[in-house]
Amino acid sequence: QVHLVESGGGLVQAGGSLRLTCTASGRTLSSYGMGWFRQAAGKEREFVAAINWGGATTLYADSVKGRFTISRDNAKNAVYLQMNSAKPEDTAVYYCAAAISPRPDRRAVGAYDYWGQGTQVTVSS
């Protein structure tokens, strides 16, 4: 069992930056593919970014490409989401997720086995 905890959410002005952190207990994250998703009020959970176990391969939603960066530090058992040039439409609860084994579509919610409880990000205009 993997217990994921997100932190770093909060209120930021449009154009500002925020860094989200996902830490794990129970197991090391080094062998897991990791992803960040978000869910705005009244909307479905959507893919934001993913990173493979070694950190060499990343994937981004078009809406955040060039603004957000996903990274990981396996020595610290942590995954990060650096959010730059934030926009009001980035407002959502952000979730990190872990995948036990590689799946064909890392953008899919169903590709992940463990989820954190989420952290709220609010971008004011």
C-alpha atoms as a PDB file:
ATOM      1  CA  GLN A   1       0.000   0.000   0.000  1.00  0.00           C
ATOM      2  CA  VAL A   2       1.203   3.483  -0.876  1.00  0.00           C
ATOM      3  CA  HIS A   3       0.002   6.535   1.011  1.00  0.00           C
ATOM      4  CA  LEU A   4       0.410   9.750  -0.980  1.00  0.00           C
ATOM      5  CA  VAL A   5       0.217  13.229   0.506  1.00  0.00           C
ATOM      6  CA  GLU A   6       0.157  16.451  -1.510  1.00  0.00           C
ATOM      7  CA  SER A   7       1.256  19.804  -0.148  1.00  0.00           C
ATOM      8  CA  GLY A   8       2.098  23.281  -1.379  1.00  0.00           C
ATOM      9  CA  GLY A   9      -1.302  24.364  -2.577  1.00  0.00           C
ATOM     10  CA  GLY A  10      -2.708  27.782  -1.808  1.00  0.00           C
ATOM     11  CA  LEU A  11      -3.678  31.107  -3.295  1.00  0.00           C
ATOM     12  CA  VAL A  12      -1.553  32.697  -6.007  1.00  0.00           C
ATOM     13  CA  GLN A  13      -2.105  35.648  -8.303  1.00  0.00           C
ATOM     14  CA  ALA A  14      -2.343  35.178 -12.028  1.00  0.00           C
ATOM     15  CA  GLY A  15       1.141  35.066 -13.477  1.00  0.00           C
ATOM     16  CA  GLY A  16       2.601  33.780 -10.235  1.00  0.00           C
ATOM     17  CA  SER A  17       4.231  30.492  -9.318  1.00  0.00           C
ATOM     18  CA  LEU A  18       3.560  27.651  -6.948  1.00  0.00           C
ATOM     19  CA  ARG A  19       5.296  24.330  -6.315  1.00  0.00           C
ATOM     20  CA  LEU A  20       3.308  21.303  -5.325  1.00  0.00           C
ATOM     21  CA  THR A  21       4.953  18.374  -3.571  1.00  0.00           C
ATOM     22  CA  CYS A  22       3.797  14.786  -3.334  1.00  0.00           C
ATOM     23  CA  THR A  23       5.417  12.582  -0.742  1.00  0.00           C
ATOM     24  CA  ALA A  24       4.833   8.939  -0.055  1.00  0.00           C
ATOM     25  CA  SER A  25       4.896   6.580   2.866  1.00  0.00           C
ATOM     26  CA  GLY A  26       4.592   2.849   2.916  1.00  0.00           C
ATOM     27  CA  ARG A  27       6.716   2.192  -0.145  1.00  0.00           C
ATOM     28  CA  THR A  28       9.402   3.836  -2.146  1.00  0.00           C
ATOM     29  CA  LEU A  29       8.174   5.697  -5.215  1.00  0.00           C
ATOM     30  CA  SER A  30      11.264   4.948  -7.248  1.00  0.00           C
ATOM     31  CA  SER A  31       9.644   2.103  -9.180  1.00  0.00           C
ATOM     32  CA  TYR A  32       6.351   3.876  -9.861  1.00  0.00           C
ATOM     33  CA  GLY A  33       5.225   6.026 -12.703  1.00  0.00           C
ATOM     34  CA  MET A  34       3.723   9.185 -11.224  1.00  0.00           C
ATOM     35  CA  GLY A  35       1.145  11.662 -12.390  1.00  0.00           C
ATOM     36  CA  TRP A  36      -0.553  14.894 -11.433  1.00  0.00           C
ATOM     37  CA  PHE A  37      -4.241  15.447 -12.091  1.00  0.00           C
ATOM     38  CA  ARG A  38      -6.624  18.241 -11.220  1.00  0.00           C
ATOM     39  CA  GLN A  39     -10.322  18.630 -10.709  1.00  0.00           C
ATOM     40  CA  ALA A  40     -12.112  21.946 -10.876  1.00  0.00           C
ATOM     41  CA  ALA A  41     -15.469  22.444  -9.215  1.00  0.00           C
ATOM     42  CA  GLY A  42     -18.210  20.783 -11.232  1.00  0.00           C
ATOM     43  CA  LYS A  43     -15.787  19.220 -13.695  1.00  0.00           C
ATOM     44  CA  GLU A  44     -14.214  15.827 -14.200  1.00  0.00           C
ATOM     45  CA  ARG A  45     -10.709  15.032 -13.031  1.00  0.00           C
ATOM     46  CA  GLU A  46      -8.232  15.785 -15.791  1.00  0.00           C
ATOM     47  CA  PHE A  47      -4.646  14.892 -16.554  1.00  0.00           C
ATOM     48  CA  VAL A  48      -1.949  17.497 -15.937  1.00  0.00           C
ATOM     49  CA  ALA A  49       1.454  15.801 -16.144  1.00  0.00           C
ATOM     50  CA  ALA A  50       3.194  12.457 -15.795  1.00  0.00           C
ATOM     51  CA  ILE A  51       6.734  11.242 -15.241  1.00  0.00           C
ATOM     52  CA  ASN A  52       8.229   7.777 -15.564  1.00  0.00           C
ATOM     53  CA  TRP A  53       9.991   5.961 -12.741  1.00  0.00           C
ATOM     54  CA  GLY A  54      13.453   7.259 -13.628  1.00  0.00           C
ATOM     55  CA  GLY A  55      12.396  10.800 -14.446  1.00  0.00           C
ATOM     56  CA  ALA A  56      13.664  10.675 -18.002  1.00  0.00           C
ATOM     57  CA  THR A  57      10.272  10.813 -19.681  1.00  0.00           C
ATOM     58  CA  THR A  58       7.597  13.410 -19.021  1.00  0.00           C
ATOM     59  CA  LEU A  59       4.202  14.092 -20.507  1.00  0.00           C
ATOM     60  CA  TYR A  60       2.025  17.201 -20.245  1.00  0.00           C
ATOM     61  CA  ALA A  61      -1.478  18.284 -21.018  1.00  0.00           C
ATOM     62  CA  ASP A  62      -1.545  20.886 -23.765  1.00  0.00           C
ATOM     63  CA  SER A  63      -3.104  23.388 -21.382  1.00  0.00           C
ATOM     64  CA  VAL A  64      -0.040  23.410 -19.104  1.00  0.00           C
ATOM     65  CA  LYS A  65       2.785  22.658 -21.526  1.00  0.00           C
ATOM     66  CA  GLY A  66       5.514  25.254 -21.245  1.00  0.00           C
ATOM     67  CA  ARG A  67       4.201  26.534 -17.897  1.00  0.00           C
ATOM     68  CA  PHE A  68       4.272  23.507 -15.591  1.00  0.00           C
ATOM     69  CA  THR A  69       7.161  21.141 -14.901  1.00  0.00           C
ATOM     70  CA  ILE A  70       6.932  17.735 -13.288  1.00  0.00           C
ATOM     71  CA  SER A  71      10.009  16.293 -11.606  1.00  0.00           C
ATOM     72  CA  ARG A  72      10.918  13.727  -9.019  1.00  0.00           C
ATOM     73  CA  ASP A  73      13.566  13.033  -6.411  1.00  0.00           C
ATOM     74  CA  ASN A  74      13.556   9.329  -5.687  1.00  0.00           C
ATOM     75  CA  ALA A  75      16.066   9.771  -2.874  1.00  0.00           C
ATOM     76  CA  LYS A  76      13.487  11.936  -1.087  1.00  0.00           C
ATOM     77  CA  ASN A  77      10.558   9.791  -2.207  1.00  0.00           C
ATOM     78  CA  ALA A  78       8.914  12.872  -3.661  1.00  0.00           C
ATOM     79  CA  VAL A  79       7.387  14.171  -6.857  1.00  0.00           C
ATOM     80  CA  TYR A  80       6.945  17.842  -7.666  1.00  0.00           C
ATOM     81  CA  LEU A  81       4.818  20.020  -9.889  1.00  0.00           C
ATOM     82  CA  GLN A  82       6.281  23.460 -10.541  1.00  0.00           C
ATOM     83  CA  MET A  83       3.521  25.778 -11.706  1.00  0.00           C
ATOM     84  CA  ASN A  84       4.634  28.975 -13.426  1.00  0.00           C
ATOM     85  CA  SER A  85       2.626  31.669 -15.205  1.00  0.00           C
ATOM     86  CA  ALA A  86      -0.462  30.516 -13.359  1.00  0.00           C
ATOM     87  CA  LYS A  87      -3.854  31.289 -14.865  1.00  0.00           C
ATOM     88  CA  PRO A  88      -7.287  31.501 -13.205  1.00  0.00           C
ATOM     89  CA  GLU A  89      -8.310  28.416 -15.186  1.00  0.00           C
ATOM     90  CA  ASP A  90      -5.633  26.459 -13.291  1.00  0.00           C
ATOM     91  CA  THR A  91      -7.791  26.744 -10.170  1.00  0.00           C
ATOM     92  CA  ALA A  92      -8.601  23.215  -9.002  1.00  0.00           C
ATOM     93  CA  VAL A  93      -7.842  20.539  -6.469  1.00  0.00           C
ATOM     94  CA  TYR A  94      -4.584  18.918  -7.536  1.00  0.00           C
ATOM     95  CA  TYR A  95      -3.975  15.218  -6.968  1.00  0.00           C
ATOM     96  CA  CYS A  96      -0.867  13.113  -7.319  1.00  0.00           C
ATOM     97  CA  ALA A  97      -1.144   9.500  -8.350  1.00  0.00           C
ATOM     98  CA  ALA A  98       1.113   6.451  -8.582  1.00  0.00           C
ATOM     99  CA  ALA A  99       1.041   3.642 -11.128  1.00  0.00           C
ATOM    100  CA  ILE A 100       2.327   0.204 -10.099  1.00  0.00           C
ATOM    101  CA  SER A 101       3.054  -0.863 -13.640  1.00  0.00           C
ATOM    102  CA  PRO A 102       3.350   0.918 -16.980  1.00  0.00           C
ATOM    103  CA  ARG A 103       0.065   1.534 -18.753  1.00  0.00           C
ATOM    104  CA  PRO A 104      -0.474   2.481 -22.388  1.00  0.00           C
ATOM    105  CA  ASP A 105      -2.193   5.770 -21.658  1.00  0.00           C
ATOM    106  CA  ARG A 106      -0.596   7.679 -18.822  1.00  0.00           C
ATOM    107  CA  ARG A 107      -3.133  10.459 -19.299  1.00  0.00           C
ATOM    108  CA  ALA A 108      -5.966   8.252 -18.087  1.00  0.00           C
ATOM    109  CA  VAL A 109      -7.269   8.272 -14.517  1.00  0.00           C
ATOM    110  CA  GLY A 110      -7.547   4.499 -14.754  1.00  0.00           C
ATOM    111  CA  ALA A 111      -3.806   4.140 -15.354  1.00  0.00           C
ATOM    112  CA  TYR A 112      -3.049   4.890 -11.703  1.00  0.00           C
ATOM    113  CA  ASP A 113      -3.428   2.714  -8.641  1.00  0.00           C
ATOM    114  CA  TYR A 114      -2.933   5.083  -5.722  1.00  0.00           C
ATOM    115  CA  TRP A 115      -4.111   8.635  -5.150  1.00  0.00           C
ATOM    116  CA  GLY A 116      -3.478  11.368  -2.649  1.00  0.00           C
ATOM    117  CA  GLN A 117      -6.194  13.386  -0.946  1.00  0.00           C
ATOM    118  CA  GLY A 118      -5.560  16.493  -3.034  1.00  0.00           C
ATOM    119  CA  THR A 119      -4.449  20.050  -2.404  1.00  0.00           C
ATOM    120  CA  GLN A 120      -6.390  23.165  -3.394  1.00  0.00           C
ATOM    121  CA  VAL A 121      -4.816  25.650  -5.797  1.00  0.00           C
ATOM    122  CA  THR A 122      -6.593  28.937  -6.370  1.00  0.00           C
ATOM    123  CA  VAL A 123      -5.368  31.440  -8.942  1.00  0.00           C
ATOM    124  CA  SER A 124      -6.826  34.901  -8.601  1.00  0.00           C
ATOM    125  CA  SER A 125      -7.176  37.223 -11.563  1.00  0.00           C
END
